[in-house]
N, C-alpha and C. Protein backbone atom coordinates (compact mmCIF):
# COMPACT_ATOMS: atom_id res chain seq x y z
N MET A 1 176.70 139.21 37.39
CA MET A 1 175.76 140.01 36.62
C MET A 1 176.32 141.42 36.44
N PRO A 2 176.14 141.96 35.25
CA PRO A 2 176.64 143.31 35.00
C PRO A 2 175.81 144.35 35.75
N ASN A 3 176.50 145.38 36.18
CA ASN A 3 175.78 146.45 36.88
C ASN A 3 175.95 147.79 36.18
N ILE A 4 176.45 147.75 34.95
CA ILE A 4 176.58 148.95 34.13
C ILE A 4 175.72 148.74 32.89
N ARG A 5 175.04 149.79 32.46
CA ARG A 5 174.09 149.65 31.35
C ARG A 5 174.75 149.11 30.09
N GLN A 6 175.92 149.57 29.76
CA GLN A 6 176.60 149.11 28.56
C GLN A 6 176.94 147.62 28.67
N GLN A 7 177.32 147.19 29.86
CA GLN A 7 177.61 145.76 30.05
C GLN A 7 176.34 144.94 29.89
N GLU A 8 175.22 145.43 30.40
CA GLU A 8 173.95 144.73 30.24
C GLU A 8 173.60 144.59 28.77
N LYS A 9 173.83 145.66 28.01
CA LYS A 9 173.55 145.63 26.58
C LYS A 9 174.46 144.62 25.88
N ARG A 10 175.74 144.58 26.24
CA ARG A 10 176.67 143.64 25.62
C ARG A 10 176.27 142.20 25.93
N VAL A 11 175.74 141.94 27.12
CA VAL A 11 175.28 140.59 27.46
C VAL A 11 174.10 140.21 26.56
N ARG A 12 173.18 141.15 26.35
CA ARG A 12 172.04 140.87 25.47
C ARG A 12 172.50 140.62 24.05
N GLN A 13 173.40 141.45 23.57
CA GLN A 13 173.91 141.29 22.21
C GLN A 13 174.65 139.96 22.04
N ALA A 14 175.48 139.64 23.01
CA ALA A 14 176.26 138.40 22.93
C ALA A 14 175.33 137.19 22.91
N SER A 15 174.26 137.26 23.67
CA SER A 15 173.31 136.15 23.70
C SER A 15 172.66 135.95 22.33
N ARG A 16 172.24 137.04 21.70
CA ARG A 16 171.64 136.95 20.36
C ARG A 16 172.66 136.46 19.34
N GLN A 17 173.88 136.96 19.42
CA GLN A 17 174.91 136.56 18.47
C GLN A 17 175.28 135.08 18.64
N ARG A 18 175.29 134.61 19.88
CA ARG A 18 175.62 133.22 20.15
C ARG A 18 174.61 132.29 19.48
N VAL A 19 173.34 132.64 19.61
CA VAL A 19 172.29 131.82 19.00
C VAL A 19 172.40 131.84 17.48
N GLU A 20 172.67 133.00 16.92
CA GLU A 20 172.80 133.12 15.46
C GLU A 20 174.01 132.34 14.95
N ASN A 21 175.13 132.43 15.66
CA ASN A 21 176.32 131.68 15.27
C ASN A 21 176.08 130.18 15.37
N LEU A 22 175.34 129.75 16.38
CA LEU A 22 175.01 128.34 16.53
C LEU A 22 174.21 127.85 15.33
N ARG A 23 173.29 128.68 14.84
CA ARG A 23 172.48 128.31 13.68
C ARG A 23 173.38 128.08 12.46
N TRP A 24 174.34 128.97 12.24
CA TRP A 24 175.23 128.83 11.09
C TRP A 24 176.08 127.58 11.21
N ARG A 25 176.64 127.33 12.40
CA ARG A 25 177.49 126.16 12.58
C ARG A 25 176.69 124.86 12.47
N SER A 26 175.52 124.84 13.06
CA SER A 26 174.68 123.65 13.05
C SER A 26 174.25 123.30 11.63
N THR A 27 173.86 124.30 10.86
CA THR A 27 173.44 124.04 9.49
C THR A 27 174.60 123.54 8.65
N ALA A 28 175.80 124.06 8.89
CA ALA A 28 176.97 123.58 8.16
C ALA A 28 177.21 122.10 8.44
N LYS A 29 177.06 121.69 9.70
CA LYS A 29 177.22 120.28 10.05
C LYS A 29 176.15 119.42 9.39
N THR A 30 174.93 119.92 9.35
CA THR A 30 173.83 119.18 8.74
C THR A 30 174.08 119.00 7.25
N LEU A 31 174.54 120.06 6.58
CA LEU A 31 174.81 119.96 5.15
C LEU A 31 175.95 118.99 4.87
N MET A 32 176.95 118.96 5.75
CA MET A 32 178.06 118.01 5.59
C MET A 32 177.55 116.58 5.73
N ARG A 33 176.67 116.35 6.68
CA ARG A 33 176.10 115.01 6.88
C ARG A 33 175.28 114.60 5.65
N ARG A 34 174.50 115.54 5.10
CA ARG A 34 173.71 115.23 3.91
C ARG A 34 174.61 114.88 2.73
N LEU A 35 175.74 115.60 2.63
CA LEU A 35 176.69 115.31 1.55
C LEU A 35 177.26 113.91 1.70
N ARG A 36 177.64 113.53 2.91
CA ARG A 36 178.17 112.18 3.15
C ARG A 36 177.13 111.12 2.79
N ASP A 37 175.88 111.35 3.23
CA ASP A 37 174.82 110.39 2.94
C ASP A 37 174.59 110.24 1.44
N ALA A 38 174.57 111.37 0.73
CA ALA A 38 174.35 111.32 -0.72
C ALA A 38 175.51 110.63 -1.41
N ALA A 39 176.74 110.85 -0.93
CA ALA A 39 177.91 110.21 -1.53
C ALA A 39 177.88 108.70 -1.31
N GLU A 40 177.41 108.28 -0.13
CA GLU A 40 177.31 106.84 0.15
C GLU A 40 176.28 106.17 -0.76
N LYS A 41 175.19 106.89 -1.05
CA LYS A 41 174.17 106.33 -1.92
C LYS A 41 174.59 106.36 -3.38
N GLY A 42 175.54 107.24 -3.72
CA GLY A 42 176.05 107.29 -5.08
C GLY A 42 175.21 108.12 -6.04
N ASP A 43 174.38 109.00 -5.53
CA ASP A 43 173.54 109.85 -6.37
C ASP A 43 174.33 111.09 -6.77
N ALA A 44 174.81 111.12 -8.00
CA ALA A 44 175.72 112.19 -8.45
C ALA A 44 175.04 113.56 -8.47
N THR A 45 173.79 113.63 -8.89
CA THR A 45 173.13 114.93 -8.95
C THR A 45 172.90 115.50 -7.56
N THR A 46 172.51 114.66 -6.62
CA THR A 46 172.31 115.11 -5.25
C THR A 46 173.64 115.52 -4.62
N VAL A 47 174.68 114.76 -4.91
CA VAL A 47 176.00 115.09 -4.37
C VAL A 47 176.44 116.46 -4.87
N ALA A 48 176.27 116.70 -6.16
CA ALA A 48 176.70 117.98 -6.73
C ALA A 48 175.91 119.14 -6.15
N ALA A 49 174.60 118.98 -6.03
CA ALA A 49 173.76 120.05 -5.50
C ALA A 49 174.07 120.32 -4.03
N THR A 50 174.23 119.27 -3.26
CA THR A 50 174.53 119.42 -1.83
C THR A 50 175.90 120.03 -1.62
N HIS A 51 176.86 119.62 -2.45
CA HIS A 51 178.22 120.17 -2.33
C HIS A 51 178.20 121.68 -2.63
N ARG A 52 177.49 122.07 -3.67
CA ARG A 52 177.40 123.48 -4.03
C ARG A 52 176.75 124.28 -2.89
N GLU A 53 175.68 123.73 -2.32
CA GLU A 53 175.00 124.41 -1.22
C GLU A 53 175.90 124.52 0.02
N LEU A 54 176.63 123.45 0.32
CA LEU A 54 177.53 123.44 1.47
C LEU A 54 178.64 124.46 1.33
N VAL A 55 179.28 124.50 0.17
CA VAL A 55 180.38 125.45 -0.06
C VAL A 55 179.87 126.88 0.06
N SER A 56 178.72 127.15 -0.50
CA SER A 56 178.14 128.49 -0.40
C SER A 56 177.86 128.86 1.05
N TRP A 57 177.30 127.91 1.80
CA TRP A 57 176.96 128.16 3.20
C TRP A 57 178.23 128.41 4.03
N LEU A 58 179.27 127.62 3.78
CA LEU A 58 180.52 127.80 4.52
C LEU A 58 181.15 129.15 4.21
N ASP A 59 181.11 129.56 2.95
CA ASP A 59 181.66 130.87 2.59
C ASP A 59 180.91 132.00 3.29
N LYS A 60 179.59 131.89 3.33
CA LYS A 60 178.80 132.93 3.99
C LYS A 60 179.05 132.94 5.50
N ALA A 61 179.17 131.76 6.10
CA ALA A 61 179.42 131.68 7.53
C ALA A 61 180.78 132.27 7.88
N ALA A 62 181.78 132.03 7.04
CA ALA A 62 183.11 132.58 7.29
C ALA A 62 183.11 134.09 7.08
N ALA A 63 182.36 134.55 6.10
CA ALA A 63 182.32 135.99 5.82
C ALA A 63 181.69 136.76 6.97
N ARG A 64 180.71 136.18 7.62
CA ARG A 64 180.04 136.89 8.70
C ARG A 64 180.69 136.62 10.06
N GLY A 65 181.67 135.72 10.10
CA GLY A 65 182.42 135.50 11.34
C GLY A 65 181.89 134.39 12.21
N SER A 66 180.91 133.65 11.75
CA SER A 66 180.40 132.54 12.54
C SER A 66 181.37 131.37 12.54
N LEU A 67 182.12 131.22 11.47
CA LEU A 67 183.17 130.21 11.37
C LEU A 67 184.47 130.93 11.03
N HIS A 68 185.57 130.44 11.56
CA HIS A 68 186.87 130.99 11.19
C HIS A 68 187.14 130.63 9.74
N LYS A 69 187.83 131.49 9.02
CA LYS A 69 188.06 131.25 7.59
C LYS A 69 188.84 129.96 7.34
N ASN A 70 189.77 129.62 8.22
CA ASN A 70 190.52 128.37 8.04
C ASN A 70 189.65 127.15 8.30
N THR A 71 188.72 127.27 9.24
CA THR A 71 187.78 126.18 9.51
C THR A 71 186.90 125.95 8.29
N ALA A 72 186.42 127.04 7.70
CA ALA A 72 185.59 126.91 6.50
C ALA A 72 186.39 126.29 5.37
N ALA A 73 187.64 126.71 5.21
CA ALA A 73 188.47 126.14 4.15
C ALA A 73 188.72 124.66 4.37
N ARG A 74 188.96 124.27 5.62
CA ARG A 74 189.20 122.86 5.93
C ARG A 74 187.95 122.03 5.62
N ARG A 75 186.81 122.53 6.00
CA ARG A 75 185.57 121.78 5.74
C ARG A 75 185.25 121.71 4.25
N LYS A 76 185.58 122.75 3.50
CA LYS A 76 185.39 122.71 2.06
C LYS A 76 186.31 121.67 1.43
N ALA A 77 187.54 121.56 1.95
CA ALA A 77 188.47 120.55 1.45
C ALA A 77 187.96 119.15 1.78
N GLN A 78 187.43 118.98 2.97
CA GLN A 78 186.86 117.68 3.34
C GLN A 78 185.70 117.32 2.41
N ALA A 79 184.87 118.31 2.12
CA ALA A 79 183.73 118.08 1.23
C ALA A 79 184.21 117.72 -0.17
N ALA A 80 185.26 118.37 -0.64
CA ALA A 80 185.79 118.05 -1.97
C ALA A 80 186.31 116.62 -2.02
N ARG A 81 186.94 116.16 -0.92
CA ARG A 81 187.41 114.78 -0.87
C ARG A 81 186.23 113.81 -0.90
N ILE A 82 185.16 114.15 -0.21
CA ILE A 82 183.96 113.29 -0.22
C ILE A 82 183.41 113.19 -1.64
N VAL A 83 183.32 114.33 -2.32
CA VAL A 83 182.78 114.35 -3.69
C VAL A 83 183.67 113.55 -4.63
N ALA A 84 184.99 113.64 -4.41
CA ALA A 84 185.93 112.92 -5.28
C ALA A 84 185.92 111.42 -5.00
N GLY A 85 185.32 111.01 -3.88
CA GLY A 85 185.21 109.60 -3.57
C GLY A 85 186.39 109.02 -2.83
N GLU A 86 187.22 109.88 -2.26
CA GLU A 86 188.35 109.39 -1.48
C GLU A 86 187.87 108.83 -0.15
N PRO A 87 188.52 107.82 0.36
CA PRO A 87 188.11 107.26 1.66
C PRO A 87 188.39 108.25 2.79
N ALA A 88 187.59 108.20 3.81
CA ALA A 88 187.75 109.10 4.95
C ALA A 88 189.00 108.76 5.74
N ALA A 89 189.74 109.79 6.14
CA ALA A 89 190.93 109.57 6.97
C ALA A 89 190.52 109.30 8.39
N LYS A 90 191.25 108.38 9.05
CA LYS A 90 190.88 108.06 10.43
C LYS A 90 192.00 108.40 11.37
């Protein structure tokens, strides 16, 4: 446990930031799952809308530091492959 006031403050801040970062990462995963589900069903309008929402979310998450920029780029590329209908790599 910290015994200096500034350290106590940093612990509080880190805790809040951790929860906020978790929200951004979790929502990105949820949007990716929705995109996969829509692609499996073959609904083009839903796929397009979900893909647009996912890319926007990933860009915002990377800009605020919740996701590393390369992680966001990799997930956007994965999403583009899903939209294009390419089979998943194993």
